[in-house]
Amino acid sequence: MLYKTVGTLRYTTHWLMLDADQGVVDFYRALIPKYMNTMKTRPAHVTVKRCEEELGRPEHWGKYDGERVEFYYEPVIRDNGFYYWLNAFSERLDDVRVELGLPMKVTHPEGFKKCFHMTIACKKHL
């Protein structure tokens, strides 16, 4: 099952983020047991383009700044032992990545080309 929400595209120097609903992130973070010793991460967002990814078509950078985009997320908290996130999917974000010349390697259910992530927490540094 996937839930639908909306975010706003925001470009920085080397990153492209979809600002997400902070309430969604706060809700799922509250479900992580306290003994896991987690903390908040940056404001709620879905990473669309990471700083280390090379643009194939830089002429399109910044083109959709401020655009509202619908996306879907799975209500399942995933983790790698340090970060906690929800898988996120969006045909519009897929299209933006393709236009920027970024890789789209993985096929996911329901026709989505890429699995994005919405980070909800990380482990506190000891």
PDB file of N, CA and C in Angstrom:
ATOM      1  N   MET A   1       0.847  -1.171   0.000  1.00  0.00           N
ATOM      2  CA  MET A   1       0.000   0.000   0.000  1.00  0.00           C
ATOM      3  C   MET A   1       0.898   1.242   0.000  1.00  0.00           C
ATOM      4  N   LEU A   2       0.517   2.228  -0.792  1.00  0.00           N
ATOM      5  CA  LEU A   2       1.245   3.487  -0.853  1.00  0.00           C
ATOM      6  C   LEU A   2       0.313   4.623  -0.435  1.00  0.00           C
ATOM      7  N   TYR A   3       0.892   5.636   0.232  1.00  0.00           N
ATOM      8  CA  TYR A   3       0.146   6.838   0.599  1.00  0.00           C
ATOM      9  C   TYR A   3       0.625   7.993  -0.263  1.00  0.00           C
ATOM     10  N   LYS A   4      -0.298   8.893  -0.612  1.00  0.00           N
ATOM     11  CA  LYS A   4       0.042  10.026  -1.464  1.00  0.00           C
ATOM     12  C   LYS A   4       0.148  11.299  -0.637  1.00  0.00           C
ATOM     13  N   THR A   5       1.147  12.118  -0.963  1.00  0.00           N
ATOM     14  CA  THR A   5       1.306  13.431  -0.352  1.00  0.00           C
ATOM     15  C   THR A   5       1.919  14.349  -1.411  1.00  0.00           C
ATOM     16  N   VAL A   6       2.273  15.543  -1.028  1.00  0.00           N
ATOM     17  CA  VAL A   6       2.812  16.511  -1.989  1.00  0.00           C
ATOM     18  C   VAL A   6       3.989  17.241  -1.360  1.00  0.00           C
ATOM     19  N   GLY A   7       4.927  17.657  -2.203  1.00  0.00           N
ATOM     20  CA  GLY A   7       6.086  18.416  -1.751  1.00  0.00           C
ATOM     21  C   GLY A   7       6.423  19.495  -2.767  1.00  0.00           C
ATOM     22  N   THR A   8       7.455  20.291  -2.458  1.00  0.00           N
ATOM     23  CA  THR A   8       7.877  21.393  -3.319  1.00  0.00           C
ATOM     24  C   THR A   8       9.333  21.197  -3.715  1.00  0.00           C
ATOM     25  N   LEU A   9       9.616  21.276  -5.017  1.00  0.00           N
ATOM     26  CA  LEU A   9      10.995  21.132  -5.499  1.00  0.00           C
ATOM     27  C   LEU A   9      11.836  22.325  -5.069  1.00  0.00           C
ATOM     28  N   ARG A  10      13.058  22.026  -4.588  1.00  0.00           N
ATOM     29  CA  ARG A  10      13.989  23.066  -4.143  1.00  0.00           C
ATOM     30  C   ARG A  10      15.393  22.704  -4.617  1.00  0.00           C
ATOM     31  N   TYR A  11      15.994  23.590  -5.377  1.00  0.00           N
ATOM     32  CA  TYR A  11      17.347  23.401  -5.882  1.00  0.00           C
ATOM     33  C   TYR A  11      18.319  24.161  -4.991  1.00  0.00           C
ATOM     34  N   THR A  12      19.459  23.540  -4.684  1.00  0.00           N
ATOM     35  CA  THR A  12      20.574  24.233  -4.039  1.00  0.00           C
ATOM     36  C   THR A  12      21.740  24.157  -5.027  1.00  0.00           C
ATOM     37  N   THR A  13      22.920  24.491  -4.604  1.00  0.00           N
ATOM     38  CA  THR A  13      24.053  24.477  -5.523  1.00  0.00           C
ATOM     39  C   THR A  13      24.256  23.116  -6.188  1.00  0.00           C
ATOM     40  N   HIS A  14      24.226  22.039  -5.398  1.00  0.00           N
ATOM     41  CA  HIS A  14      24.509  20.702  -5.940  1.00  0.00           C
ATOM     42  C   HIS A  14      23.436  19.663  -5.637  1.00  0.00           C
ATOM     43  N   TRP A  15      22.390  20.040  -4.942  1.00  0.00           N
ATOM     44  CA  TRP A  15      21.345  19.101  -4.544  1.00  0.00           C
ATOM     45  C   TRP A  15      20.017  19.522  -5.134  1.00  0.00           C
ATOM     46  N   LEU A  16      19.152  18.534  -5.369  1.00  0.00           N
ATOM     47  CA  LEU A  16      17.758  18.798  -5.703  1.00  0.00           C
ATOM     48  C   LEU A  16      16.924  18.007  -4.708  1.00  0.00           C
ATOM     49  N   MET A  17      16.103  18.729  -3.961  1.00  0.00           N
ATOM     50  CA  MET A  17      15.277  18.117  -2.918  1.00  0.00           C
ATOM     51  C   MET A  17      13.818  18.411  -3.197  1.00  0.00           C
ATOM     52  N   LEU A  18      12.982  17.525  -2.721  1.00  0.00           N
ATOM     53  CA  LEU A  18      11.556  17.772  -2.695  1.00  0.00           C
ATOM     54  C   LEU A  18      11.205  17.979  -1.224  1.00  0.00           C
ATOM     55  N   ASP A  19      10.931  19.226  -0.835  1.00  0.00           N
ATOM     56  CA  ASP A  19      10.535  19.487   0.547  1.00  0.00           C
ATOM     57  C   ASP A  19       9.236  18.743   0.807  1.00  0.00           C
ATOM     58  N   ALA A  20       9.196  17.981   1.887  1.00  0.00           N
ATOM     59  CA  ALA A  20       8.059  17.114   2.183  1.00  0.00           C
ATOM     60  C   ALA A  20       7.325  17.591   3.429  1.00  0.00           C
ATOM     61  N   ASP A  21       6.236  16.944   3.729  1.00  0.00           N
ATOM     62  CA  ASP A  21       5.398  17.277   4.878  1.00  0.00           C
ATOM     63  C   ASP A  21       6.107  16.858   6.169  1.00  0.00           C
ATOM     64  N   GLN A  22       6.479  17.832   6.981  1.00  0.00           N
ATOM     65  CA  GLN A  22       7.192  17.551   8.231  1.00  0.00           C
ATOM     66  C   GLN A  22       6.351  16.686   9.163  1.00  0.00           C
ATOM     67  N   GLY A  23       5.027  16.834   9.115  1.00  0.00           N
ATOM     68  CA  GLY A  23       4.146  16.031   9.959  1.00  0.00           C
ATOM     69  C   GLY A  23       4.241  14.548   9.658  1.00  0.00           C
ATOM     70  N   VAL A  24       4.388  14.189   8.384  1.00  0.00           N
ATOM     71  CA  VAL A  24       4.540  12.783   8.002  1.00  0.00           C
ATOM     72  C   VAL A  24       5.826  12.224   8.609  1.00  0.00           C
ATOM     73  N   VAL A  25       6.921  12.959   8.440  1.00  0.00           N
ATOM     74  CA  VAL A  25       8.216  12.511   8.964  1.00  0.00           C
ATOM     75  C   VAL A  25       8.179  12.415  10.492  1.00  0.00           C
ATOM     76  N   ASP A  26       7.611  13.414  11.146  1.00  0.00           N
ATOM     77  CA  ASP A  26       7.525  13.396  12.614  1.00  0.00           C
ATOM     78  C   ASP A  26       6.710  12.204  13.110  1.00  0.00           C
ATOM     79  N   PHE A  27       5.609  11.887  12.418  1.00  0.00           N
ATOM     80  CA  PHE A  27       4.768  10.754  12.811  1.00  0.00           C
ATOM     81  C   PHE A  27       5.565   9.447  12.770  1.00  0.00           C
ATOM     82  N   TYR A  28       6.256   9.200  11.654  1.00  0.00           N
ATOM     83  CA  TYR A  28       6.988   7.933  11.530  1.00  0.00           C
ATOM     84  C   TYR A  28       8.206   7.900  12.450  1.00  0.00           C
ATOM     85  N   ARG A  29       8.848   9.038  12.691  1.00  0.00           N
ATOM     86  CA  ARG A  29       9.978   9.061  13.625  1.00  0.00           C
ATOM     87  C   ARG A  29       9.506   8.684  15.028  1.00  0.00           C
ATOM     88  N   ALA A  30       8.303   9.121  15.387  1.00  0.00           N
ATOM     89  CA  ALA A  30       7.755   8.811  16.715  1.00  0.00           C
ATOM     90  C   ALA A  30       7.503   7.311  16.888  1.00  0.00           C
ATOM     91  N   LEU A  31       7.424   6.556  15.800  1.00  0.00           N
ATOM     92  CA  LEU A  31       7.203   5.114  15.886  1.00  0.00           C
ATOM     93  C   LEU A  31       8.492   4.324  16.133  1.00  0.00           C
ATOM     94  N   ILE A  32       9.633   4.980  15.988  1.00  0.00           N
ATOM     95  CA  ILE A  32      10.911   4.304  16.233  1.00  0.00           C
ATOM     96  C   ILE A  32      11.111   4.239  17.753  1.00  0.00           C
ATOM     97  N   PRO A  33      11.354   3.057  18.305  1.00  0.00           N
ATOM     98  CA  PRO A  33      11.517   2.949  19.763  1.00  0.00           C
ATOM     99  C   PRO A  33      12.626   3.869  20.296  1.00  0.00           C
ATOM    100  N   LYS A  34      12.379   4.460  21.459  1.00  0.00           N
ATOM    101  CA  LYS A  34      13.332   5.409  22.069  1.00  0.00           C
ATOM    102  C   LYS A  34      14.712   4.788  22.285  1.00  0.00           C
ATOM    103  N   TYR A  35      14.750   3.489  22.582  1.00  0.00           N
ATOM    104  CA  TYR A  35      16.043   2.857  22.852  1.00  0.00           C
ATOM    105  C   TYR A  35      16.936   2.802  21.608  1.00  0.00           C
ATOM    106  N   MET A  36      16.367   3.095  20.428  1.00  0.00           N
ATOM    107  CA  MET A  36      17.178   3.129  19.208  1.00  0.00           C
ATOM    108  C   MET A  36      18.048   4.384  19.158  1.00  0.00           C
ATOM    109  N   ASN A  37      17.779   5.333  20.069  1.00  0.00           N
ATOM    110  CA  ASN A  37      18.620   6.522  20.243  1.00  0.00           C
ATOM    111  C   ASN A  37      18.794   7.299  18.933  1.00  0.00           C
ATOM    112  N   THR A  38      17.673   7.734  18.358  1.00  0.00           N
ATOM    113  CA  THR A  38      17.722   8.459  17.093  1.00  0.00           C
ATOM    114  C   THR A  38      17.508   9.956  17.306  1.00  0.00           C
ATOM    115  N   MET A  39      17.763  10.714  16.248  1.00  0.00           N
ATOM    116  CA  MET A  39      17.519  12.156  16.269  1.00  0.00           C
ATOM    117  C   MET A  39      16.966  12.590  14.915  1.00  0.00           C
ATOM    118  N   LYS A  40      16.439  13.813  14.888  1.00  0.00           N
ATOM    119  CA  LYS A  40      15.934  14.383  13.641  1.00  0.00           C
ATOM    120  C   LYS A  40      17.078  14.582  12.663  1.00  0.00           C
ATOM    121  N   THR A  41      16.738  14.541  11.395  1.00  0.00           N
ATOM    122  CA  THR A  41      17.693  14.908  10.350  1.00  0.00           C
ATOM    123  C   THR A  41      17.243  16.272   9.817  1.00  0.00           C
ATOM    124  N   ARG A  42      17.734  16.629   8.655  1.00  0.00           N
ATOM    125  CA  ARG A  42      17.338  17.907   8.037  1.00  0.00           C
ATOM    126  C   ARG A  42      15.822  18.012   7.983  1.00  0.00           C
ATOM    127  N   PRO A  43      15.327  19.185   7.614  1.00  0.00           N
ATOM    128  CA  PRO A  43      13.866  19.259   7.425  1.00  0.00           C
ATOM    129  C   PRO A  43      13.399  18.170   6.462  1.00  0.00           C
ATOM    130  N   ALA A  44      12.141  17.800   6.586  1.00  0.00           N
ATOM    131  CA  ALA A  44      11.569  16.710   5.792  1.00  0.00           C
ATOM    132  C   ALA A  44      11.789  16.946   4.304  1.00  0.00           C
ATOM    133  N   HIS A  45      12.321  15.910   3.627  1.00  0.00           N
ATOM    134  CA  HIS A  45      12.593  16.035   2.193  1.00  0.00           C
ATOM    135  C   HIS A  45      12.762  14.660   1.559  1.00  0.00           C
ATOM    136  N   VAL A  46      12.618  14.656   0.250  1.00  0.00           N
ATOM    137  CA  VAL A  46      12.964  13.502  -0.570  1.00  0.00           C
ATOM    138  C   VAL A  46      14.144  13.950  -1.416  1.00  0.00           C
ATOM    139  N   THR A  47      15.229  13.189  -1.403  1.00  0.00           N
ATOM    140  CA  THR A  47      16.395  13.522  -2.210  1.00  0.00           C
ATOM    141  C   THR A  47      16.125  13.121  -3.653  1.00  0.00           C
ATOM    142  N   VAL A  48      16.237  14.085  -4.570  1.00  0.00           N
ATOM    143  CA  VAL A  48      16.019  13.829  -5.989  1.00  0.00           C
ATOM    144  C   VAL A  48      17.364  13.714  -6.710  1.00  0.00           C
ATOM    145  N   LYS A  49      18.309  14.583  -6.358  1.00  0.00           N
ATOM    146  CA  LYS A  49      19.657  14.552  -6.946  1.00  0.00           C
ATOM    147  C   LYS A  49      20.663  14.837  -5.841  1.00  0.00           C
ATOM    148  N   ARG A  50      21.608  13.942  -5.648  1.00  0.00           N
ATOM    149  CA  ARG A  50      22.650  14.083  -4.628  1.00  0.00           C
ATOM    150  C   ARG A  50      23.801  14.904  -5.188  1.00  0.00           C
ATOM    151  N   CYS A  51      24.609  15.491  -4.328  1.00  0.00           N
ATOM    152  CA  CYS A  51      25.688  16.378  -4.765  1.00  0.00           C
ATOM    153  C   CYS A  51      26.722  15.664  -5.633  1.00  0.00           C
ATOM    154  N   GLU A  52      26.964  14.385  -5.399  1.00  0.00           N
ATOM    155  CA  GLU A  52      28.011  13.673  -6.144  1.00  0.00           C
ATOM    156  C   GLU A  52      27.558  13.197  -7.525  1.00  0.00           C
ATOM    157  N   GLU A  53      26.274  13.321  -7.834  1.00  0.00           N
ATOM    158  CA  GLU A  53      25.774  12.891  -9.143  1.00  0.00           C
ATOM    159  C   GLU A  53      26.052  13.968 -10.194  1.00  0.00           C
ATOM    160  N   GLU A  54      26.640  13.544 -11.302  1.00  0.00           N
ATOM    161  CA  GLU A  54      26.942  14.456 -12.405  1.00  0.00           C
ATOM    162  C   GLU A  54      25.709  14.658 -13.282  1.00  0.00           C
ATOM    163  N   LEU A  55      25.429  15.904 -13.602  1.00  0.00           N
ATOM    164  CA  LEU A  55      24.315  16.202 -14.488  1.00  0.00           C
ATOM    165  C   LEU A  55      24.695  15.910 -15.928  1.00  0.00           C
ATOM    166  N   GLY A  56      23.847  15.201 -16.625  1.00  0.00           N
ATOM    167  CA  GLY A  56      24.060  14.968 -18.049  1.00  0.00           C
ATOM    168  C   GLY A  56      23.570  16.150 -18.877  1.00  0.00           C
ATOM    169  N   ARG A  57      22.589  16.873 -18.350  1.00  0.00           N
ATOM    170  CA  ARG A  57      22.014  18.030 -19.053  1.00  0.00           C
ATOM    171  C   ARG A  57      21.866  19.202 -18.072  1.00  0.00           C
ATOM    172  N   PRO A  58      22.957  19.883 -17.749  1.00  0.00           N
ATOM    173  CA  PRO A  58      22.913  20.963 -16.748  1.00  0.00           C
ATOM    174  C   PRO A  58      22.059  22.162 -17.154  1.00  0.00           C
ATOM    175  N   GLU A  59      21.741  22.286 -18.443  1.00  0.00           N
ATOM    176  CA  GLU A  59      20.925  23.419 -18.890  1.00  0.00           C
ATOM    177  C   GLU A  59      19.510  23.391 -18.299  1.00  0.00           C
ATOM    178  N   HIS A  60      19.101  22.243 -17.764  1.00  0.00           N
ATOM    179  CA  HIS A  60      17.768  22.122 -17.162  1.00  0.00           C
ATOM    180  C   HIS A  60      17.783  22.371 -15.646  1.00  0.00           C
ATOM    181  N   TRP A  61      18.953  22.635 -15.066  1.00  0.00           N
ATOM    182  CA  TRP A  61      19.068  22.817 -13.614  1.00  0.00           C
ATOM    183  C   TRP A  61      18.269  24.054 -13.185  1.00  0.00           C
ATOM    184  N   GLY A  62      17.465  23.899 -12.172  1.00  0.00           N
ATOM    185  CA  GLY A  62      16.689  24.999 -11.601  1.00  0.00           C
ATOM    186  C   GLY A  62      15.365  25.257 -12.301  1.00  0.00           C
ATOM    187  N   LYS A  63      15.080  24.539 -13.337  1.00  0.00           N
ATOM    188  CA  LYS A  63      13.916  24.774 -14.191  1.00  0.00           C
ATOM    189  C   LYS A  63      12.581  24.678 -13.445  1.00  0.00           C
ATOM    190  N   TYR A  64      12.496  23.804 -12.465  1.00  0.00           N
ATOM    191  CA  TYR A  64      11.213  23.563 -11.798  1.00  0.00           C
ATOM    192  C   TYR A  64      11.204  24.002 -10.336  1.00  0.00           C
ATOM    193  N   ASP A  65      12.105  24.901  -9.970  1.00  0.00           N
ATOM    194  CA  ASP A  65      12.181  25.365  -8.581  1.00  0.00           C
ATOM    195  C   ASP A  65      10.817  25.895  -8.120  1.00  0.00           C
ATOM    196  N   GLY A  66      10.351  25.384  -6.994  1.00  0.00           N
ATOM    197  CA  GLY A  66       9.074  25.814  -6.435  1.00  0.00           C
ATOM    198  C   GLY A  66       7.868  25.022  -6.922  1.00  0.00           C
ATOM    199  N   GLU A  67       8.066  24.108  -7.869  1.00  0.00           N
ATOM    200  CA  GLU A  67       6.942  23.317  -8.382  1.00  0.00           C
ATOM    201  C   GLU A  67       6.436  22.357  -7.304  1.00  0.00           C
ATOM    202  N   ARG A  68       5.124  22.263  -7.181  1.00  0.00           N
ATOM    203  CA  ARG A  68       4.501  21.308  -6.261  1.00  0.00           C
ATOM    204  C   ARG A  68       4.404  19.963  -6.976  1.00  0.00           C
ATOM    205  N   VAL A  69       4.832  18.906  -6.303  1.00  0.00           N
ATOM    206  CA  VAL A  69       4.902  17.576  -6.913  1.00  0.00           C
ATOM    207  C   VAL A  69       4.240  16.555  -5.988  1.00  0.00           C
ATOM    208  N   GLU A  70       3.331  15.763  -6.543  1.00  0.00           N
ATOM    209  CA  GLU A  70       2.746  14.647  -5.798  1.00  0.00           C
ATOM    210  C   GLU A  70       3.736  13.493  -5.778  1.00  0.00           C
ATOM    211  N   PHE A  71       3.794  12.806  -4.643  1.00  0.00           N
ATOM    212  CA  PHE A  71       4.595  11.590  -4.565  1.00  0.00           C
ATOM    213  C   PHE A  71       3.917  10.623  -3.614  1.00  0.00           C
ATOM    214  N   TYR A  72       4.353   9.385  -3.692  1.00  0.00           N
ATOM    215  CA  TYR A  72       3.817   8.312  -2.872  1.00  0.00           C
ATOM    216  C   TYR A  72       4.916   7.786  -1.964  1.00  0.00           C
ATOM    217  N   TYR A  73       4.522   7.279  -0.810  1.00  0.00           N
ATOM    218  CA  TYR A  73       5.501   6.655   0.080  1.00  0.00           C
ATOM    219  C   TYR A  73       4.905   5.394   0.687  1.00  0.00           C
ATOM    220  N   GLU A  74       5.812   4.466   0.993  1.00  0.00           N
ATOM    221  CA  GLU A  74       5.418   3.237   1.688  1.00  0.00           C
ATOM    222  C   GLU A  74       5.430   3.509   3.188  1.00  0.00           C
ATOM    223  N   PRO A  75       4.426   3.069   3.923  1.00  0.00           N
ATOM    224  CA  PRO A  75       4.383   3.301   5.360  1.00  0.00           C
ATOM    225  C   PRO A  75       5.198   2.263   6.142  1.00  0.00           C
ATOM    226  N   VAL A  76       6.382   1.954   5.635  1.00  0.00           N
ATOM    227  CA  VAL A  76       7.257   0.955   6.261  1.00  0.00           C
ATOM    228  C   VAL A  76       8.597   1.633   6.562  1.00  0.00           C
ATOM    229  N   ILE A  77       8.969   1.650   7.828  1.00  0.00           N
ATOM    230  CA  ILE A  77      10.248   2.248   8.210  1.00  0.00           C
ATOM    231  C   ILE A  77      11.364   1.272   7.861  1.00  0.00           C
ATOM    232  N   ARG A  78      12.322   1.759   7.106  1.00  0.00           N
ATOM    233  CA  ARG A  78      13.488   0.958   6.712  1.00  0.00           C
ATOM    234  C   ARG A  78      14.714   1.575   7.362  1.00  0.00           C
ATOM    235  N   ASP A  79      15.751   0.752   7.539  1.00  0.00           N
ATOM    236  CA  ASP A  79      16.979   1.306   8.121  1.00  0.00           C
ATOM    237  C   ASP A  79      18.188   0.508   7.668  1.00  0.00           C
ATOM    238  N   ASN A  80      19.349   1.137   7.806  1.00  0.00           N
ATOM    239  CA  ASN A  80      20.618   0.475   7.496  1.00  0.00           C
ATOM    240  C   ASN A  80      21.517   0.430   8.729  1.00  0.00           C
ATOM    241  N   GLY A  81      20.929   0.611   9.915  1.00  0.00           N
ATOM    242  CA  GLY A  81      21.701   0.620  11.147  1.00  0.00           C
ATOM    243  C   GLY A  81      22.096   2.021  11.589  1.00  0.00           C
ATOM    244  N   PHE A  82      21.992   2.998  10.686  1.00  0.00           N
ATOM    245  CA  PHE A  82      22.286   4.392  11.043  1.00  0.00           C
ATOM    246  C   PHE A  82      21.152   5.321  10.617  1.00  0.00           C
ATOM    247  N   TYR A  83      20.688   5.205   9.368  1.00  0.00           N
ATOM    248  CA  TYR A  83      19.587   6.033   8.867  1.00  0.00           C
ATOM    249  C   TYR A  83      18.289   5.244   8.862  1.00  0.00           C
ATOM    250  N   TYR A  84      17.184   5.967   9.045  1.00  0.00           N
ATOM    251  CA  TYR A  84      15.833   5.422   8.978  1.00  0.00           C
ATOM    252  C   TYR A  84      15.084   6.213   7.915  1.00  0.00           C
ATOM    253  N   TRP A  85      14.352   5.525   7.025  1.00  0.00           N
ATOM    254  CA  TRP A  85      13.685   6.224   5.941  1.00  0.00           C
ATOM    255  C   TRP A  85      12.433   5.483   5.503  1.00  0.00           C
ATOM    256  N   LEU A  86      11.652   6.177   4.664  1.00  0.00           N
ATOM    257  CA  LEU A  86      10.501   5.594   3.983  1.00  0.00           C
ATOM    258  C   LEU A  86      10.814   5.621   2.493  1.00  0.00           C
ATOM    259  N   ASN A  87      10.526   4.532   1.790  1.00  0.00           N
ATOM    260  CA  ASN A  87      10.677   4.534   0.335  1.00  0.00           C
ATOM    261  C   ASN A  87       9.633   5.472  -0.259  1.00  0.00           C
ATOM    262  N   ALA A  88      10.042   6.239  -1.276  1.00  0.00           N
ATOM    263  CA  ALA A  88       9.154   7.202  -1.923  1.00  0.00           C
ATOM    264  C   ALA A  88       9.230   7.016  -3.435  1.00  0.00           C
ATOM    265  N   PHE A  89       8.129   7.315  -4.118  1.00  0.00           N
ATOM    266  CA  PHE A  89       8.027   7.102  -5.557  1.00  0.00           C
ATOM    267  C   PHE A  89       7.276   8.262  -6.196  1.00  0.00           C
ATOM    268  N   SER A  90       7.688   8.662  -7.404  1.00  0.00           N
ATOM    269  CA  SER A  90       6.996   9.731  -8.107  1.00  0.00           C
ATOM    270  C   SER A  90       7.343   9.689  -9.588  1.00  0.00           C
ATOM    271  N   GLU A  91       6.335   9.605 -10.426  1.00  0.00           N
ATOM    272  CA  GLU A  91       6.577   9.665 -11.861  1.00  0.00           C
ATOM    273  C   GLU A  91       7.153  11.023 -12.242  1.00  0.00           C
ATOM    274  N   ARG A  92       6.692  12.091 -11.600  1.00  0.00           N
ATOM    275  CA  ARG A  92       7.206  13.434 -11.918  1.00  0.00           C
ATOM    276  C   ARG A  92       8.686  13.545 -11.561  1.00  0.00           C
ATOM    277  N   LEU A  93       9.094  13.017 -10.414  1.00  0.00           N
ATOM    278  CA  LEU A  93      10.509  13.049 -10.045  1.00  0.00           C
ATOM    279  C   LEU A  93      11.329  12.188 -10.997  1.00  0.00           C
ATOM    280  N   ASP A  94      10.759  11.046 -11.430  1.00  0.00           N
ATOM    281  CA  ASP A  94      11.420  10.226 -12.453  1.00  0.00           C
ATOM    282  C   ASP A  94      11.688  11.083 -13.690  1.00  0.00           C
ATOM    283  N   ASP A  95      10.667  11.813 -14.146  1.00  0.00           N
ATOM    284  CA  ASP A  95      10.792  12.643 -15.352  1.00  0.00           C
ATOM    285  C   ASP A  95      11.840  13.740 -15.187  1.00  0.00           C
ATOM    286  N   VAL A  96      11.876  14.378 -14.019  1.00  0.00           N
ATOM    287  CA  VAL A  96      12.856  15.445 -13.765  1.00  0.00           C
ATOM    288  C   VAL A  96      14.270  14.874 -13.826  1.00  0.00           C
ATOM    289  N   ARG A  97      14.490  13.704 -13.221  1.00  0.00           N
ATOM    290  CA  ARG A  97      15.817  13.082 -13.279  1.00  0.00           C
ATOM    291  C   ARG A  97      16.216  12.745 -14.716  1.00  0.00           C
ATOM    292  N   VAL A  98      15.289  12.221 -15.493  1.00  0.00           N
ATOM    293  CA  VAL A  98      15.586  11.892 -16.887  1.00  0.00           C
ATOM    294  C   VAL A  98      15.965  13.163 -17.645  1.00  0.00           C
ATOM    295  N   GLU A  99      15.200  14.232 -17.452  1.00  0.00           N
ATOM    296  CA  GLU A  99      15.484  15.499 -18.133  1.00  0.00           C
ATOM    297  C   GLU A  99      16.858  16.045 -17.772  1.00  0.00           C
ATOM    298  N   LEU A 100      17.294  15.817 -16.535  1.00  0.00           N
ATOM    299  CA  LEU A 100      18.616  16.269 -16.094  1.00  0.00           C
ATOM    300  C   LEU A 100      19.733  15.328 -16.541  1.00  0.00           C
ATOM    301  N   GLY A 101      19.376  14.217 -17.170  1.00  0.00           N
ATOM    302  CA  GLY A 101      20.385  13.265 -17.626  1.00  0.00           C
ATOM    303  C   GLY A 101      20.958  12.423 -16.510  1.00  0.00           C
ATOM    304  N   LEU A 102      20.171  12.205 -15.458  1.00  0.00           N
ATOM    305  CA  LEU A 102      20.609  11.388 -14.321  1.00  0.00           C
ATOM    306  C   LEU A 102      20.159   9.942 -14.523  1.00  0.00           C
ATOM    307  N   PRO A 103      20.902   8.982 -13.970  1.00  0.00           N
ATOM    308  CA  PRO A 103      20.580   7.566 -14.189  1.00  0.00           C
ATOM    309  C   PRO A 103      19.234   7.162 -13.589  1.00  0.00           C
ATOM    310  N   MET A 104      18.589   6.247 -14.283  1.00  0.00           N
ATOM    311  CA  MET A 104      17.326   5.665 -13.840  1.00  0.00           C
ATOM    312  C   MET A 104      17.460   4.157 -14.032  1.00  0.00           C
ATOM    313  N   LYS A 105      18.133   3.476 -13.116  1.00  0.00           N
ATOM    314  CA  LYS A 105      18.514   2.082 -13.292  1.00  0.00           C
ATOM    315  C   LYS A 105      17.466   1.071 -12.857  1.00  0.00           C
ATOM    316  N   VAL A 106      16.715   1.389 -11.838  1.00  0.00           N
ATOM    317  CA  VAL A 106      15.917   0.377 -11.165  1.00  0.00           C
ATOM    318  C   VAL A 106      14.439   0.534 -11.516  1.00  0.00           C
ATOM    319  N   THR A 107      13.764  -0.572 -11.764  1.00  0.00           N
ATOM    320  CA  THR A 107      12.321  -0.560 -11.997  1.00  0.00           C
ATOM    321  C   THR A 107      11.635  -1.014 -10.714  1.00  0.00           C
ATOM    322  N   HIS A 108      10.581  -0.324 -10.349  1.00  0.00           N
ATOM    323  CA  HIS A 108       9.840  -0.632  -9.128  1.00  0.00           C
ATOM    324  C   HIS A 108       8.373  -0.866  -9.445  1.00  0.00           C
ATOM    325  N   PRO A 109       7.631  -1.378  -8.481  1.00  0.00           N
ATOM    326  CA  PRO A 109       6.226  -1.695  -8.720  1.00  0.00           C
ATOM    327  C   PRO A 109       5.418  -0.469  -9.119  1.00  0.00           C
ATOM    328  N   GLU A 110       4.298  -0.725  -9.738  1.00  0.00           N
ATOM    329  CA  GLU A 110       3.332   0.297 -10.117  1.00  0.00           C
ATOM    330  C   GLU A 110       3.875   1.287 -11.141  1.00  0.00           C
ATOM    331  N   GLY A 111       4.894   0.881 -11.921  1.00  0.00           N
ATOM    332  CA  GLY A 111       5.370   1.694 -13.025  1.00  0.00           C
ATOM    333  C   GLY A 111       6.402   2.748 -12.689  1.00  0.00           C
ATOM    334  N   PHE A 112       6.811   2.865 -11.447  1.00  0.00           N
ATOM    335  CA  PHE A 112       7.822   3.850 -11.078  1.00  0.00           C
ATOM    336  C   PHE A 112       9.192   3.378 -11.528  1.00  0.00           C
ATOM    337  N   LYS A 113      10.018   4.306 -11.979  1.00  0.00           N
ATOM    338  CA  LYS A 113      11.346   3.949 -12.467  1.00  0.00           C
ATOM    339  C   LYS A 113      12.393   3.921 -11.357  1.00  0.00           C
ATOM    340  N   LYS A 114      12.231   4.755 -10.349  1.00  0.00           N
ATOM    341  CA  LYS A 114      13.253   4.878  -9.318  1.00  0.00           C
ATOM    342  C   LYS A 114      12.606   4.894  -7.945  1.00  0.00           C
ATOM    343  N   CYS A 115      13.299   4.307  -6.994  1.00  0.00           N
ATOM    344  CA  CYS A 115      12.885   4.378  -5.602  1.00  0.00           C
ATOM    345  C   CYS A 115      13.678   5.503  -4.946  1.00  0.00           C
ATOM    346  N   PHE A 116      12.978   6.533  -4.501  1.00  0.00           N
ATOM    347  CA  PHE A 116      13.602   7.632  -3.765  1.00  0.00           C
ATOM    348  C   PHE A 116      13.485   7.297  -2.276  1.00  0.00           C
ATOM    349  N   HIS A 117      13.990   8.168  -1.417  1.00  0.00           N
ATOM    350  CA  HIS A 117      13.828   7.929   0.013  1.00  0.00           C
ATOM    351  C   HIS A 117      13.524   9.236   0.732  1.00  0.00           C
ATOM    352  N   MET A 118      12.745   9.109   1.802  1.00  0.00           N
ATOM    353  CA  MET A 118      12.438  10.231   2.678  1.00  0.00           C
ATOM    354  C   MET A 118      13.018   9.875   4.040  1.00  0.00           C
ATOM    355  N   THR A 119      14.152  10.464   4.377  1.00  0.00           N
ATOM    356  CA  THR A 119      14.817  10.164   5.641  1.00  0.00           C
ATOM    357  C   THR A 119      13.981  10.691   6.799  1.00  0.00           C
ATOM    358  N   ILE A 120      13.790   9.859   7.823  1.00  0.00           N
ATOM    359  CA  ILE A 120      12.992  10.282   8.971  1.00  0.00           C
ATOM    360  C   ILE A 120      13.819  10.424  10.242  1.00  0.00           C
ATOM    361  N   ALA A 121      15.001   9.784  10.303  1.00  0.00           N
ATOM    362  CA  ALA A 121      15.822   9.896  11.514  1.00  0.00           C
ATOM    363  C   ALA A 121      17.196   9.293  11.237  1.00  0.00           C
ATOM    364  N   CYS A 122      18.117   9.550  12.154  1.00  0.00           N
ATOM    365  CA  CYS A 122      19.412   8.876  12.133  1.00  0.00           C
ATOM    366  C   CYS A 122      19.840   8.640  13.576  1.00  0.00           C
ATOM    367  N   LYS A 123      20.819   7.768  13.754  1.00  0.00           N
ATOM    368  CA  LYS A 123      21.337   7.469  15.094  1.00  0.00           C
ATOM    369  C   LYS A 123      22.088   8.682  15.636  1.00  0.00           C
ATOM    370  N   LYS A 124      21.979   8.900  16.929  1.00  0.00           N
ATOM    371  CA  LYS A 124      22.736   9.961  17.573  1.00  0.00           C
ATOM    372  C   LYS A 124      24.197   9.529  17.649  1.00  0.00           C
ATOM    373  N   HIS A 125      25.082  10.487  17.471  1.00  0.00           N
ATOM    374  CA  HIS A 125      26.516  10.181  17.623  1.00  0.00           C
ATOM    375  C   HIS A 125      26.820  10.015  19.102  1.00  0.00           C
ATOM    376  N   LEU A 126      27.554   8.996  19.416  1.00  0.00           N
ATOM    377  CA  LEU A 126      27.888   8.728  20.825  1.00  0.00           C
ATOM    378  C   LEU A 126      29.177   9.395  21.220  1.00  0.00           C
TER     379      LEU A 126
END
